[in-house]
Each structure stands twice: as structure tokens, then as C-alpha cells.
Amino acid sequence: MPEVLVNGARIVFEERGKGFPTILLHGWNSSRREWLFNMKALAPRFRAIAPDLPGFGDSEDLDGFSYALPDTASFLEAFRRRLRLQSFNLVGHSMGGCIAVRYTAEYPDTVRKLVLISTPTRSSSMALRVRIPGVSWFLSKTYRFRSEAVLKWLFYHNLYKPEYQDLDFVRANIQTMSCTTKKALVQSAVLFRRLDLKDDLHGISQPTLIIFGDKDRAVSTKEVYLQKENLARPYLGVITGSGHSPNYERPDIFNQLLVDFFLEETLG
């Protein structure tokens, strides 16, 4: 598996294809593996790159890294420089979308096109269970004991399709999720409690595809309208029958939206 040193930490990433670069940022308590259904579809035309963010998946924690959005944007810029990318498409899911918004606002010359999937841009758009103080600490303790009950509860609220609420599916994902360090899990969750990216949205001029599942239980679909109102060039894709992870739940529809959106831009 490819890896690079970023600010002294080993960062692991998945890479497929040789076309125009596209970086995919995973959500909270996830990893690069959430993109496996999507990278195959991107690879014939794009160079798809999916890193494990610091402390998630197989990547190491960064010393002095706070997981606040300025730090995560700086990390992504350092990662870009290590891979020697001049410009790229940027895709972010949930927490990864928050990072993508901040990064694009701070480093506009490097992002050609932006995709936000189930992304909250204000705390009030998040489900209460994500925002209340102490929930991230509680989940960090629970994950260490690999509690199926709590993991099933989390999947039920995030994923809509019944097969993703089955305990066999939950067990298959425990190992990946339990790789997240306690520091990464707790500190990254804190950003949801004081989140406000409205000014960042105003600063983004790139074409931006907003993707939501119509059954999302984690982020209010009111976010769709907020983002459309505040982005300069918004495009919308609502995926029916999907919850918080349409890239995982409905990869067929999601992949077509993504590829069509990118090809329209790359072909001019």
C-alpha cells in the first residue's frame, strides 16, 4: 500500500488510475476503504487518491495536530505537496467534506472541482447525538470493546439500506473502525459542535457538486439549500433510498454522478 511521510507521520493511501488527480477524503471514524466501491469507477479516467487521514485507518497520528479545520487543511496541503500535485478534483464525505470546504477556501488555486457528500457546514445541521458533549468519548470507549450494539446503533442512524444494519455487516466493519486512535476519534468529533462554514462557502468559486441521500439521518437535508444559496456554482444530486453514505449505499448512482460531473469539466 502506498504511503508518504507528512510532517513526520506515516500517511497511508489508496491509489488507482493515471488520469487527472482526484483526492477523496473519508468521513468521521472511517478510512480510505469507504471509497473502494468508487475508485474502480474513477480509475479509467482519473487518478483516484484516497488517504487515511491522520489517526484514522492505517495512518499515524500527527504530533501537535488538533484536528481543527485549519490543521486539517494544512495537512491536506502538505499531502498535496508530497505527491507533487499541481491541481486536482477534491471529494469529501461528511467530516471529509468539512475539510474539503475549508481547504478549497484557503487554497483555491489547487482545486479544479469540488464534491461535497452529506456534508454539514453548521452545527445545527447535525443530529443531536453527534453534537452533544461527551458522545465522542463514549464511542471511543465503546469501540475499544468492539460493542456490536452501539455499532449497530451507529449504522442504523447513518445508513438507510437494511443490509447495512445487519450484524454481520457490522462485525465486518469493526476492525476498520477500531483502527481509529482515541485522539483522532475524540478531537475530530469536537469540530461538529462549533461548526460554521458559511464564510468558507462564500469564498469558493469552483463548480461544486452537492450530493445527499434523501434518507440521511445524520445531517439535515436543509444543508442542501444552505449550500446552494452560498456557493457560487452549485450543482445538486439527491440520491433516493440512501442515508448518510450514498457513495457506499448506492455506488452505481453515485459513481455516475461523479464521473459525469468531472468529465463535463475536464472536457470543457
C-alpha atoms as a PDB file:
ATOM      1  CA  MET A   1       0.000   0.000   0.000  1.00  0.00           C
ATOM      2  CA  PRO A   2       1.469   3.434  -0.910  1.00  0.00           C
ATOM      3  CA  GLU A   3       2.495   5.686   1.958  1.00  0.00           C
ATOM      4  CA  VAL A   4       4.248   9.025   2.434  1.00  0.00           C
ATOM      5  CA  LEU A   5       5.675  10.928   5.375  1.00  0.00           C
ATOM      6  CA  VAL A   6       3.717  14.105   6.066  1.00  0.00           C
ATOM      7  CA  ASN A   7       5.121  16.294   8.828  1.00  0.00           C
ATOM      8  CA  GLY A   8       6.838  13.258  10.295  1.00  0.00           C
ATOM      9  CA  ALA A   9       3.815  10.925  10.281  1.00  0.00           C
ATOM     10  CA  ARG A  10       3.279   7.917   8.037  1.00  0.00           C
ATOM     11  CA  ILE A  11       0.181   8.521   5.897  1.00  0.00           C
ATOM     12  CA  VAL A  12      -1.240   5.532   4.033  1.00  0.00           C
ATOM     13  CA  PHE A  13      -3.329   5.975   0.900  1.00  0.00           C
ATOM     14  CA  GLU A  14      -5.024   4.011  -1.863  1.00  0.00           C
ATOM     15  CA  GLU A  15      -4.292   4.981  -5.467  1.00  0.00           C
ATOM     16  CA  ARG A  16      -5.824   3.837  -8.759  1.00  0.00           C
ATOM     17  CA  GLY A  17      -5.727   5.159 -12.312  1.00  0.00           C
ATOM     18  CA  LYS A  18      -3.426   7.575 -14.128  1.00  0.00           C
ATOM     19  CA  GLY A  19      -5.627  10.480 -15.273  1.00  0.00           C
ATOM     20  CA  PHE A  20      -6.314  13.866 -13.702  1.00  0.00           C
ATOM     21  CA  PRO A  21      -5.811  13.615  -9.904  1.00  0.00           C
ATOM     22  CA  THR A  22      -8.850  13.288  -7.644  1.00  0.00           C
ATOM     23  CA  ILE A  23      -8.430  13.209  -3.857  1.00  0.00           C
ATOM     24  CA  LEU A  24     -11.171  11.557  -1.794  1.00  0.00           C
ATOM     25  CA  LEU A  25     -11.485  12.379   1.920  1.00  0.00           C
ATOM     26  CA  HIS A  26     -13.340   9.905   4.137  1.00  0.00           C
ATOM     27  CA  GLY A  27     -15.782  10.698   6.919  1.00  0.00           C
ATOM     28  CA  TRP A  28     -15.542  10.539  10.703  1.00  0.00           C
ATOM     29  CA  ASN A  29     -14.342   7.235  12.184  1.00  0.00           C
ATOM     30  CA  SER A  30     -13.869   5.821   8.711  1.00  0.00           C
ATOM     31  CA  SER A  31     -10.912   5.213   6.406  1.00  0.00           C
ATOM     32  CA  ARG A  32      -9.828   5.121   2.773  1.00  0.00           C
ATOM     33  CA  ARG A  33     -11.712   1.826   2.474  1.00  0.00           C
ATOM     34  CA  GLU A  34     -15.050   3.636   2.251  1.00  0.00           C
ATOM     35  CA  TRP A  35     -14.083   4.604  -1.318  1.00  0.00           C
ATOM     36  CA  LEU A  36     -13.367   1.115  -2.655  1.00  0.00           C
ATOM     37  CA  PHE A  37     -16.744   0.997  -4.440  1.00  0.00           C
ATOM     38  CA  ASN A  38     -15.940   4.302  -6.152  1.00  0.00           C
ATOM     39  CA  MET A  39     -12.257   4.226  -7.063  1.00  0.00           C
ATOM     40  CA  LYS A  40     -12.741   1.473  -9.619  1.00  0.00           C
ATOM     41  CA  ALA A  41     -15.246   3.661 -11.474  1.00  0.00           C
ATOM     42  CA  LEU A  42     -12.895   6.654 -11.401  1.00  0.00           C
ATOM     43  CA  ALA A  43      -9.710   4.798 -12.372  1.00  0.00           C
ATOM     44  CA  PRO A  44     -10.287   4.540 -16.168  1.00  0.00           C
ATOM     45  CA  ARG A  45     -10.275   8.344 -16.488  1.00  0.00           C
ATOM     46  CA  PHE A  46      -8.804   9.760 -13.289  1.00  0.00           C
ATOM     47  CA  ARG A  47      -6.005   9.201 -10.805  1.00  0.00           C
ATOM     48  CA  ALA A  48      -8.044   8.468  -7.683  1.00  0.00           C
ATOM     49  CA  ILE A  49      -6.193   9.007  -4.389  1.00  0.00           C
ATOM     50  CA  ALA A  50      -7.827   8.152  -1.053  1.00  0.00           C
ATOM     51  CA  PRO A  51      -5.718   8.811   2.062  1.00  0.00           C
ATOM     52  CA  ASP A  52      -6.340   7.649   5.590  1.00  0.00           C
ATOM     53  CA  LEU A  53      -6.484  10.939   7.471  1.00  0.00           C
ATOM     54  CA  PRO A  54      -4.090  11.244  10.452  1.00  0.00           C
ATOM     55  CA  GLY A  55      -5.042   8.790  13.191  1.00  0.00           C
ATOM     56  CA  PHE A  56      -7.604   7.009  11.002  1.00  0.00           C
ATOM     57  CA  GLY A  57      -7.239   3.671   9.228  1.00  0.00           C
ATOM     58  CA  ASP A  58      -3.562   2.793   8.896  1.00  0.00           C
ATOM     59  CA  SER A  59      -2.194   6.343   9.146  1.00  0.00           C
ATOM     60  CA  GLU A  60      -0.278   7.562  12.167  1.00  0.00           C
ATOM     61  CA  ASP A  61      -1.259  10.459  14.409  1.00  0.00           C
ATOM     62  CA  LEU A  62       0.485  13.769  13.824  1.00  0.00           C
ATOM     63  CA  ASP A  63       2.282  15.336  16.789  1.00  0.00           C
ATOM     64  CA  GLY A  64       0.642  18.579  17.844  1.00  0.00           C
ATOM     65  CA  PHE A  65      -2.259  18.017  15.446  1.00  0.00           C
ATOM     66  CA  SER A  66      -5.552  19.345  16.842  1.00  0.00           C
ATOM     67  CA  TYR A  67      -7.994  18.075  14.153  1.00  0.00           C
ATOM     68  CA  ALA A  68      -9.435  21.582  13.962  1.00  0.00           C
ATOM     69  CA  LEU A  69     -10.218  22.615  10.396  1.00  0.00           C
ATOM     70  CA  PRO A  70      -7.169  24.890   9.956  1.00  0.00           C
ATOM     71  CA  ASP A  71      -4.915  21.961  10.907  1.00  0.00           C
ATOM     72  CA  THR A  72      -6.680  19.521   8.596  1.00  0.00           C
ATOM     73  CA  ALA A  73      -6.500  21.961   5.681  1.00  0.00           C
ATOM     74  CA  SER A  74      -2.780  22.435   6.325  1.00  0.00           C
ATOM     75  CA  PHE A  75      -2.336  18.659   6.426  1.00  0.00           C
ATOM     76  CA  LEU A  76      -4.063  18.252   3.056  1.00  0.00           C
ATOM     77  CA  GLU A  77      -1.857  20.939   1.531  1.00  0.00           C
ATOM     78  CA  ALA A  78       1.249  19.149   2.858  1.00  0.00           C
ATOM     79  CA  PHE A  79      -0.076  15.855   1.456  1.00  0.00           C
ATOM     80  CA  ARG A  80      -0.634  17.508  -1.947  1.00  0.00           C
ATOM     81  CA  ARG A  81       2.920  18.820  -1.959  1.00  0.00           C
ATOM     82  CA  ARG A  82       4.349  15.416  -1.042  1.00  0.00           C
ATOM     83  CA  LEU A  83       2.551  13.905  -4.042  1.00  0.00           C
ATOM     84  CA  ARG A  84       3.647  16.847  -6.224  1.00  0.00           C
ATOM     85  CA  LEU A  85       0.150  17.577  -7.483  1.00  0.00           C
ATOM     86  CA  GLN A  86      -0.351  20.911  -9.214  1.00  0.00           C
ATOM     87  CA  SER A  87      -4.139  20.772  -9.111  1.00  0.00           C
ATOM     88  CA  PHE A  88      -6.829  18.176  -8.503  1.00  0.00           C
ATOM     89  CA  ASN A  89     -10.512  17.456  -8.024  1.00  0.00           C
ATOM     90  CA  LEU A  90     -11.487  17.215  -4.351  1.00  0.00           C
ATOM     91  CA  VAL A  91     -14.206  14.958  -2.933  1.00  0.00           C
ATOM     92  CA  GLY A  92     -15.195  14.923   0.732  1.00  0.00           C
ATOM     93  CA  HIS A  93     -17.722  12.847   2.648  1.00  0.00           C
ATOM     94  CA  SER A  94     -19.225  14.250   5.871  1.00  0.00           C
ATOM     95  CA  MET A  95     -16.225  15.273   8.027  1.00  0.00           C
ATOM     96  CA  GLY A  96     -14.082  14.945   4.908  1.00  0.00           C
ATOM     97  CA  GLY A  97     -16.435  17.397   3.217  1.00  0.00           C
ATOM     98  CA  CYS A  98     -15.889  19.917   6.020  1.00  0.00           C
ATOM     99  CA  ILE A  99     -12.140  19.597   5.472  1.00  0.00           C
ATOM    100  CA  ALA A 100     -12.655  19.966   1.707  1.00  0.00           C
ATOM    101  CA  VAL A 101     -14.653  23.180   2.155  1.00  0.00           C
ATOM    102  CA  ARG A 102     -12.019  24.757   4.381  1.00  0.00           C
ATOM    103  CA  TYR A 103      -9.159  23.608   2.153  1.00  0.00           C
ATOM    104  CA  THR A 104     -10.774  24.933  -1.035  1.00  0.00           C
ATOM    105  CA  ALA A 105     -11.456  28.290   0.599  1.00  0.00           C
ATOM    106  CA  GLU A 106      -7.836  28.561   1.788  1.00  0.00           C
ATOM    107  CA  TYR A 107      -6.094  27.081  -1.272  1.00  0.00           C
ATOM    108  CA  PRO A 108      -8.380  27.955  -4.203  1.00  0.00           C
ATOM    109  CA  ASP A 109      -5.716  27.691  -6.894  1.00  0.00           C
ATOM    110  CA  THR A 110      -5.179  23.962  -6.359  1.00  0.00           C
ATOM    111  CA  VAL A 111      -8.786  22.689  -6.582  1.00  0.00           C
ATOM    112  CA  ARG A 112     -10.372  22.368 -10.018  1.00  0.00           C
ATOM    113  CA  LYS A 113     -13.702  20.957  -8.933  1.00  0.00           C
ATOM    114  CA  LEU A 114     -15.304  20.182  -5.564  1.00  0.00           C
ATOM    115  CA  VAL A 115     -17.757  17.478  -4.465  1.00  0.00           C
ATOM    116  CA  LEU A 116     -19.457  17.567  -1.053  1.00  0.00           C
ATOM    117  CA  ILE A 117     -21.220  14.400   0.127  1.00  0.00           C
ATOM    118  CA  SER A 118     -23.574  14.529   3.124  1.00  0.00           C
ATOM    119  CA  THR A 119     -21.526  17.438   4.426  1.00  0.00           C
ATOM    120  CA  PRO A 120     -22.612  19.637   7.343  1.00  0.00           C
ATOM    121  CA  THR A 121     -21.496  23.259   7.226  1.00  0.00           C
ATOM    122  CA  ARG A 122     -23.060  24.317  10.541  1.00  0.00           C
ATOM    123  CA  SER A 123     -23.522  22.529  13.847  1.00  0.00           C
ATOM    124  CA  SER A 124     -27.295  22.912  13.846  1.00  0.00           C
ATOM    125  CA  SER A 125     -27.492  20.700  10.742  1.00  0.00           C
ATOM    126  CA  MET A 126     -26.022  17.735  12.615  1.00  0.00           C
ATOM    127  CA  ALA A 127     -28.061  15.158  14.508  1.00  0.00           C
ATOM    128  CA  LEU A 128     -28.064  15.850  18.255  1.00  0.00           C
ATOM    129  CA  ARG A 129     -26.298  12.572  19.063  1.00  0.00           C
ATOM    130  CA  VAL A 130     -23.217  13.829  17.197  1.00  0.00           C
ATOM    131  CA  ARG A 131     -23.162  17.272  18.808  1.00  0.00           C
ATOM    132  CA  ILE A 132     -23.741  16.586  22.499  1.00  0.00           C
ATOM    133  CA  PRO A 133     -20.638  16.863  24.713  1.00  0.00           C
ATOM    134  CA  GLY A 134     -19.084  13.528  25.655  1.00  0.00           C
ATOM    135  CA  VAL A 135     -20.553  11.396  22.873  1.00  0.00           C
ATOM    136  CA  SER A 136     -17.239  11.054  21.054  1.00  0.00           C
ATOM    137  CA  TRP A 137     -15.501   9.995  24.277  1.00  0.00           C
ATOM    138  CA  PHE A 138     -18.246   7.438  24.942  1.00  0.00           C
ATOM    139  CA  LEU A 139     -17.968   5.999  21.452  1.00  0.00           C
ATOM    140  CA  SER A 140     -14.181   5.834  21.707  1.00  0.00           C
ATOM    141  CA  LYS A 141     -14.522   3.678  24.818  1.00  0.00           C
ATOM    142  CA  THR A 142     -17.207   1.544  23.193  1.00  0.00           C
ATOM    143  CA  TYR A 143     -15.197   0.927  20.035  1.00  0.00           C
ATOM    144  CA  ARG A 144     -12.266  -0.326  22.054  1.00  0.00           C
ATOM    145  CA  PHE A 145     -14.537  -3.060  23.371  1.00  0.00           C
ATOM    146  CA  ARG A 146     -15.964  -3.620  19.872  1.00  0.00           C
ATOM    147  CA  SER A 147     -19.546  -3.245  21.064  1.00  0.00           C
ATOM    148  CA  GLU A 148     -21.845  -4.604  18.361  1.00  0.00           C
ATOM    149  CA  ALA A 149     -24.897  -2.985  19.923  1.00  0.00           C
ATOM    150  CA  VAL A 150     -23.502   0.541  19.738  1.00  0.00           C
ATOM    151  CA  LEU A 151     -22.010  -0.004  16.294  1.00  0.00           C
ATOM    152  CA  LYS A 152     -25.339  -1.281  15.012  1.00  0.00           C
ATOM    153  CA  TRP A 153     -26.980   1.804  16.524  1.00  0.00           C
ATOM    154  CA  LEU A 154     -24.494   3.991  14.682  1.00  0.00           C
ATOM    155  CA  PHE A 155     -25.013   2.180  11.372  1.00  0.00           C
ATOM    156  CA  TYR A 156     -28.799   2.338  11.778  1.00  0.00           C
ATOM    157  CA  HIS A 157     -28.678   6.099  12.108  1.00  0.00           C
ATOM    158  CA  ASN A 158     -26.135   6.638   9.324  1.00  0.00           C
ATOM    159  CA  LEU A 159     -27.025   4.027   6.702  1.00  0.00           C
ATOM    160  CA  TYR A 160     -30.542   3.580   5.395  1.00  0.00           C
ATOM    161  CA  LYS A 161     -30.438   0.310   3.466  1.00  0.00           C
ATOM    162  CA  PRO A 162     -31.356  -2.676   5.706  1.00  0.00           C
ATOM    163  CA  GLU A 163     -28.359  -4.792   4.683  1.00  0.00           C
ATOM    164  CA  TYR A 164     -26.057  -2.208   6.281  1.00  0.00           C
ATOM    165  CA  GLN A 165     -27.836  -2.582   9.619  1.00  0.00           C
ATOM    166  CA  ASP A 166     -27.241  -6.341   9.742  1.00  0.00           C
ATOM    167  CA  LEU A 167     -24.857  -7.521  12.475  1.00  0.00           C
ATOM    168  CA  ASP A 168     -22.738  -9.494  10.005  1.00  0.00           C
ATOM    169  CA  PHE A 169     -22.059  -6.255   8.143  1.00  0.00           C
ATOM    170  CA  VAL A 170     -21.323  -4.500  11.430  1.00  0.00           C
ATOM    171  CA  ARG A 171     -18.853  -7.199  12.505  1.00  0.00           C
ATOM    172  CA  ALA A 172     -17.074  -6.963   9.156  1.00  0.00           C
ATOM    173  CA  ASN A 173     -16.505  -3.239   9.707  1.00  0.00           C
ATOM    174  CA  ILE A 174     -15.478  -3.278  13.365  1.00  0.00           C
ATOM    175  CA  GLN A 175     -11.812  -3.898  12.615  1.00  0.00           C
ATOM    176  CA  THR A 176     -11.534  -0.952  10.238  1.00  0.00           C
ATOM    177  CA  MET A 177     -13.375   1.389  12.577  1.00  0.00           C
ATOM    178  CA  SER A 178     -11.450   0.307  15.668  1.00  0.00           C
ATOM    179  CA  CYS A 179      -8.164   1.314  13.987  1.00  0.00           C
ATOM    180  CA  THR A 180      -9.063   4.941  14.661  1.00  0.00           C
ATOM    181  CA  THR A 181      -6.972   6.303  17.511  1.00  0.00           C
ATOM    182  CA  LYS A 182      -8.734   7.723  20.550  1.00  0.00           C
ATOM    183  CA  LYS A 183      -7.142  11.120  19.887  1.00  0.00           C
ATOM    184  CA  ALA A 184      -8.412  11.219  16.307  1.00  0.00           C
ATOM    185  CA  LEU A 185     -11.888   9.990  17.235  1.00  0.00           C
ATOM    186  CA  VAL A 186     -12.472  12.426  20.090  1.00  0.00           C
ATOM    187  CA  GLN A 187     -10.749  15.549  18.788  1.00  0.00           C
ATOM    188  CA  SER A 188     -12.139  15.322  15.255  1.00  0.00           C
ATOM    189  CA  ALA A 189     -15.689  14.956  16.593  1.00  0.00           C
ATOM    190  CA  VAL A 190     -15.362  18.201  18.543  1.00  0.00           C
ATOM    191  CA  LEU A 191     -15.378  20.244  15.324  1.00  0.00           C
ATOM    192  CA  PHE A 192     -19.048  19.306  14.774  1.00  0.00           C
ATOM    193  CA  ARG A 193     -20.068  21.128  17.975  1.00  0.00           C
ATOM    194  CA  ARG A 194     -18.891  24.558  16.795  1.00  0.00           C
ATOM    195  CA  LEU A 195     -19.111  24.283  13.047  1.00  0.00           C
ATOM    196  CA  ASP A 196     -19.829  27.280  10.823  1.00  0.00           C
ATOM    197  CA  LEU A 197     -18.520  27.224   7.256  1.00  0.00           C
ATOM    198  CA  LYS A 198     -20.796  29.856   5.724  1.00  0.00           C
ATOM    199  CA  ASP A 199     -17.945  32.300   5.095  1.00  0.00           C
ATOM    200  CA  ASP A 200     -15.866  29.497   3.573  1.00  0.00           C
ATOM    201  CA  LEU A 201     -18.697  28.638   1.170  1.00  0.00           C
ATOM    202  CA  HIS A 202     -18.832  32.274   0.052  1.00  0.00           C
ATOM    203  CA  GLY A 203     -15.150  32.096  -0.817  1.00  0.00           C
ATOM    204  CA  ILE A 204     -15.472  29.085  -3.146  1.00  0.00           C
ATOM    205  CA  SER A 205     -15.772  29.828  -6.867  1.00  0.00           C
ATOM    206  CA  GLN A 206     -15.202  26.292  -8.178  1.00  0.00           C
ATOM    207  CA  PRO A 207     -18.054  24.228  -9.627  1.00  0.00           C
ATOM    208  CA  THR A 208     -19.336  22.251  -6.645  1.00  0.00           C
ATOM    209  CA  LEU A 209     -21.488  19.132  -6.723  1.00  0.00           C
ATOM    210  CA  ILE A 210     -23.628  18.712  -3.599  1.00  0.00           C
ATOM    211  CA  ILE A 211     -24.663  15.080  -3.043  1.00  0.00           C
ATOM    212  CA  PHE A 212     -27.136  13.991  -0.365  1.00  0.00           C
ATOM    213  CA  GLY A 213     -29.130  10.868   0.384  1.00  0.00           C
ATOM    214  CA  ASP A 214     -32.819  11.615   0.866  1.00  0.00           C
ATOM    215  CA  LYS A 215     -32.884   9.351   3.958  1.00  0.00           C
ATOM    216  CA  ASP A 216     -29.887  10.913   5.709  1.00  0.00           C
ATOM    217  CA  ARG A 217     -30.391  10.697   9.492  1.00  0.00           C
ATOM    218  CA  ALA A 218     -27.090  12.335  10.459  1.00  0.00           C
ATOM    219  CA  VAL A 219     -27.207  15.635   8.539  1.00  0.00           C
ATOM    220  CA  SER A 220     -30.342  17.637   7.795  1.00  0.00           C
ATOM    221  CA  THR A 221     -31.215  17.904   4.121  1.00  0.00           C
ATOM    222  CA  LYS A 222     -31.743  21.624   4.787  1.00  0.00           C
ATOM    223  CA  GLU A 223     -27.997  21.740   4.217  1.00  0.00           C
ATOM    224  CA  VAL A 224     -28.692  21.298   0.504  1.00  0.00           C
ATOM    225  CA  TYR A 225     -30.453  24.649   0.332  1.00  0.00           C
ATOM    226  CA  LEU A 226     -27.922  26.392   2.553  1.00  0.00           C
ATOM    227  CA  GLN A 227     -25.053  25.264   0.358  1.00  0.00           C
ATOM    228  CA  LYS A 228     -26.885  26.110  -2.874  1.00  0.00           C
ATOM    229  CA  GLU A 229     -27.544  29.626  -1.597  1.00  0.00           C
ATOM    230  CA  ASN A 230     -23.964  30.275  -0.519  1.00  0.00           C
ATOM    231  CA  LEU A 231     -21.893  28.624  -3.254  1.00  0.00           C
ATOM    232  CA  ALA A 232     -21.091  30.464  -6.478  1.00  0.00           C
ATOM    233  CA  ARG A 233     -21.547  27.500  -8.854  1.00  0.00           C
ATOM    234  CA  PRO A 234     -23.586  24.755  -7.152  1.00  0.00           C
ATOM    235  CA  TYR A 235     -24.870  21.561  -8.748  1.00  0.00           C
ATOM    236  CA  LEU A 236     -27.166  19.173  -6.913  1.00  0.00           C
ATOM    237  CA  GLY A 237     -27.510  15.400  -6.813  1.00  0.00           C
ATOM    238  CA  VAL A 238     -30.029  13.862  -4.398  1.00  0.00           C
ATOM    239  CA  ILE A 239     -29.870  10.059  -4.262  1.00  0.00           C
ATOM    240  CA  THR A 240     -33.139   8.404  -3.296  1.00  0.00           C
ATOM    241  CA  GLY A 241     -33.133   5.462  -0.927  1.00  0.00           C
ATOM    242  CA  SER A 242     -29.766   6.386   0.550  1.00  0.00           C
ATOM    243  CA  GLY A 243     -28.732   7.507   4.011  1.00  0.00           C
ATOM    244  CA  HIS A 244     -25.618   9.337   5.127  1.00  0.00           C
ATOM    245  CA  SER A 245     -23.218   7.409   2.859  1.00  0.00           C
ATOM    246  CA  PRO A 246     -24.541   7.397  -0.732  1.00  0.00           C
ATOM    247  CA  ASN A 247     -21.042   6.604  -2.015  1.00  0.00           C
ATOM    248  CA  TYR A 248     -21.295   3.327  -0.079  1.00  0.00           C
ATOM    249  CA  GLU A 249     -25.018   2.609  -0.209  1.00  0.00           C
ATOM    250  CA  ARG A 250     -25.762   3.493  -3.848  1.00  0.00           C
ATOM    251  CA  PRO A 251     -22.384   3.344  -5.619  1.00  0.00           C
ATOM    252  CA  ASP A 252     -23.940   2.782  -9.039  1.00  0.00           C
ATOM    253  CA  ILE A 253     -25.829   6.093  -8.999  1.00  0.00           C
ATOM    254  CA  PHE A 254     -23.129   7.911  -7.068  1.00  0.00           C
ATOM    255  CA  ASN A 255     -20.337   6.874  -9.428  1.00  0.00           C
ATOM    256  CA  GLN A 256     -22.275   8.007 -12.483  1.00  0.00           C
ATOM    257  CA  LEU A 257     -22.934  11.409 -10.907  1.00  0.00           C
ATOM    258  CA  LEU A 258     -19.276  11.795 -10.007  1.00  0.00           C
ATOM    259  CA  VAL A 259     -17.813  10.731 -13.351  1.00  0.00           C
ATOM    260  CA  ASP A 260     -20.300  12.788 -15.384  1.00  0.00           C
ATOM    261  CA  PHE A 261     -19.592  15.865 -13.276  1.00  0.00           C
ATOM    262  CA  PHE A 262     -15.833  15.546 -13.639  1.00  0.00           C
ATOM    263  CA  LEU A 263     -15.903  14.721 -17.351  1.00  0.00           C
ATOM    264  CA  GLU A 264     -18.054  17.738 -18.110  1.00  0.00           C
ATOM    265  CA  GLU A 265     -15.388  19.905 -16.521  1.00  0.00           C
ATOM    266  CA  THR A 266     -12.322  18.159 -17.936  1.00  0.00           C
ATOM    267  CA  LEU A 267     -13.758  18.208 -21.459  1.00  0.00           C
ATOM    268  CA  GLY A 268     -14.608  21.872 -21.079  1.00  0.00           C
END
